[in-house]
Each structure stands twice: as C-alpha cells, then as structure tokens.
C-alpha cells in the first residue's frame, strides 16, 4: 500500500503446505522463491515479514491461526485455501477475514478506513480530550 499510511502497515506472510501440497520446500527454499519472484525481501523491507512454514488448520495449528480463526471475523472456521487474509487492528483485535478470492479495492478501502480511525483516535488523544 502506498500513501499516507504506508509506514504504519505490517504485512505478515505464513507459508503453509496444507493446501494441495503447494509449499513442500524448506524455509530457505521458500525465501529463495519469494525473492526470485519479486516479493519484498523481508530482512530489508519495512512492514513485510515472512515467517517459517506453519500449520494453519488442525489440532497442531499455530497459535496465531487458532486465535485468528476463533475471533469474531474468523467465525471459528478453518482456512479453506491459501491466500486467506485477516485484517487486524493496531490493538491486535481481528477486524475482517478475507478468503482466497478477494477484491483488492475492498481490502484497500478497509485498511484505509481502519487507519483513518486510528489517526482520529490518535489525534483525539494528542489533543488532551
């Protein structure tokens, strides 16, 4: 996202091999693939992190995905396919869930609205009210 809030965003990617075996490689192989295909280098790009390969569904799902799936927007449902996304507020509370098929313009609007709300709250706090 480019614009007035770009420096406030954190984008986190979690590779997973639970969706049709699409991510069989090691963490090093995944990072090489990411870099080769023009994704931001997570060690040098502010706001983008790629994590170690993890499980998102099942009894051994990573705690972050258990939390996201069991949040109000997660609805307690498993992630059906890769590229699922969660929008999480600055307070750590999940706000929206997007499945694999998504409208980038809608997500952009949702992010901008959430950041505008945060800016308004920050301004109110800074004004002493």
Protein backbone atom coordinates (compact mmCIF):
# COMPACT_ATOMS: atom_id res chain seq x y z
CA UNK A 1 0.00 0.00 0.00
CA UNK A 2 1.34 3.37 -0.93
CA UNK A 3 0.16 6.59 0.57
CA UNK A 4 -0.08 8.48 3.80
CA UNK A 5 -0.26 5.34 5.98
CA UNK A 6 2.21 3.06 4.21
CA UNK A 7 4.74 3.29 7.04
CA UNK A 8 2.13 2.10 9.58
CA UNK A 9 1.30 -1.24 7.94
CA UNK A 10 2.68 -4.62 8.84
CA UNK A 11 2.21 -7.39 6.29
CA UNK A 12 2.93 -10.90 7.50
CA UNK A 13 3.13 -13.98 5.30
CA UNK A 14 2.92 -17.51 6.70
CA UNK A 15 3.83 -20.24 4.19
CA UNK A 16 1.86 -23.47 4.69
CA UNK A 17 1.81 -26.84 2.95
CA UNK A 18 -1.76 -27.77 3.98
CA UNK A 19 -3.34 -26.63 0.70
CA UNK A 20 -2.73 -29.12 -2.06
CA UNK A 21 0.94 -29.57 -1.17
CA UNK A 22 1.79 -26.23 -2.79
CA UNK A 23 4.57 -25.36 -0.32
CA UNK A 24 6.71 -28.50 0.07
CA UNK A 25 10.05 -26.69 0.25
CA UNK A 26 12.18 -25.80 3.24
CA UNK A 27 12.07 -22.32 4.75
CA UNK A 28 15.27 -21.43 2.86
CA UNK A 29 13.75 -22.65 -0.44
CA UNK A 30 10.59 -20.63 0.21
CA UNK A 31 12.61 -17.46 0.87
CA UNK A 32 14.61 -18.00 -2.33
CA UNK A 33 11.35 -18.41 -4.30
CA UNK A 34 9.88 -15.26 -2.73
CA UNK A 35 12.94 -13.18 -3.56
CA UNK A 36 13.21 -14.62 -7.09
CA UNK A 37 9.62 -13.64 -7.85
CA UNK A 38 9.99 -10.03 -6.79
CA UNK A 39 8.38 -10.08 -3.39
CA UNK A 40 9.91 -7.72 -0.85
CA UNK A 41 12.96 -9.01 0.93
CA UNK A 42 11.64 -9.49 4.48
CA UNK A 43 15.03 -8.72 6.04
CA UNK A 44 15.28 -5.30 4.35
CA UNK A 45 11.70 -4.15 3.76
CA UNK A 46 9.84 -2.27 6.48
CA UNK A 47 6.37 -3.63 7.10
CA UNK A 48 6.80 -7.05 5.46
CA UNK A 49 7.73 -10.25 7.24
CA UNK A 50 7.70 -13.81 6.02
CA UNK A 51 7.56 -16.40 8.76
CA UNK A 52 8.65 -20.02 8.91
CA UNK A 53 6.35 -22.56 7.34
CA UNK A 54 3.50 -23.31 9.73
CA UNK A 55 0.23 -25.18 10.15
CA UNK A 56 -2.95 -23.12 9.99
CA UNK A 57 -5.58 -25.84 10.49
CA UNK A 58 -5.95 -28.88 12.72
CA UNK A 59 -5.03 -29.66 16.32
CA UNK A 60 -1.41 -28.58 15.76
CA UNK A 61 -2.28 -25.24 14.14
CA UNK A 62 -0.01 -22.38 15.12
CA UNK A 63 -1.42 -20.30 17.99
CA UNK A 64 -1.74 -17.18 15.82
CA UNK A 65 -4.09 -19.03 13.44
CA UNK A 66 -6.11 -20.55 16.25
CA UNK A 67 -6.56 -17.01 17.60
CA UNK A 68 -7.48 -15.54 14.20
CA UNK A 69 -9.89 -18.35 13.28
CA UNK A 70 -11.62 -18.18 16.66
CA UNK A 71 -12.04 -14.40 16.56
CA UNK A 72 -15.39 -12.86 15.64
CA UNK A 73 -14.43 -12.31 11.96
CA UNK A 74 -12.81 -15.77 11.84
CA UNK A 75 -16.10 -17.37 12.81
CA UNK A 76 -14.38 -20.47 14.23
CA UNK A 77 -13.93 -21.83 10.69
CA UNK A 78 -10.83 -23.45 9.24
CA UNK A 79 -8.98 -21.72 6.45
CA UNK A 80 -10.13 -23.40 3.24
CA UNK A 81 -7.38 -22.36 0.86
CA UNK A 82 -4.14 -20.42 0.77
CA UNK A 83 -4.17 -16.65 0.35
CA UNK A 84 -6.72 -16.21 3.11
CA UNK A 85 -6.16 -12.90 4.86
CA UNK A 86 -7.04 -11.30 8.17
CA UNK A 87 -7.08 -7.57 8.81
CA UNK A 88 -6.00 -6.91 12.40
CA UNK A 89 -6.29 -3.54 14.11
CA UNK A 90 -3.43 -1.75 15.84
CA UNK A 91 -4.83 -3.09 19.14
CA UNK A 92 -4.31 -6.70 17.97
CA UNK A 93 -8.02 -7.40 17.51
CA UNK A 94 -9.01 -9.06 14.20
CA UNK A 95 -11.36 -6.83 12.20
CA UNK A 96 -12.07 -8.73 8.96
CA UNK A 97 -11.40 -12.02 7.27
CA UNK A 98 -10.95 -12.40 3.53
CA UNK A 99 -10.98 -15.77 1.80
CA UNK A 100 -8.70 -16.72 -1.09
CA UNK A 101 -10.88 -14.93 -3.66
CA UNK A 102 -10.83 -11.26 -2.71
CA UNK A 103 -11.35 -7.77 -4.04
CA UNK A 104 -8.12 -5.80 -3.65
CA UNK A 105 -10.01 -2.49 -3.84
CA UNK A 106 -12.24 -3.54 -0.93
CA UNK A 107 -9.30 -4.61 1.19
CA UNK A 108 -7.56 -1.32 0.38
CA UNK A 109 -10.66 0.64 1.46
CA UNK A 110 -10.95 -1.42 4.65
CA UNK A 111 -7.30 -0.78 5.51
CA UNK A 112 -7.59 2.93 4.77
CA UNK A 113 -10.76 3.19 6.89
CA UNK A 114 -9.11 1.38 9.80
CA UNK A 115 -6.02 3.58 9.59
CA UNK A 116 -8.18 6.72 9.37
CA UNK A 117 -10.00 5.61 12.55
CA UNK A 118 -6.65 5.08 14.26
CA UNK A 119 -5.42 8.52 13.15
CA UNK A 120 -8.61 10.13 14.51
CA UNK A 121 -8.18 8.38 17.86
CA UNK A 122 -4.51 9.35 17.98
CA UNK A 123 -5.41 12.99 17.22
CA UNK A 124 -8.09 12.97 19.92
CA UNK A 125 -5.62 11.53 22.43
CA UNK A 126 -2.96 14.06 21.44
CA UNK A 127 -5.42 16.94 21.85
CA UNK A 128 -5.97 16.09 25.51
CA UNK A 129 -9.61 15.04 25.30
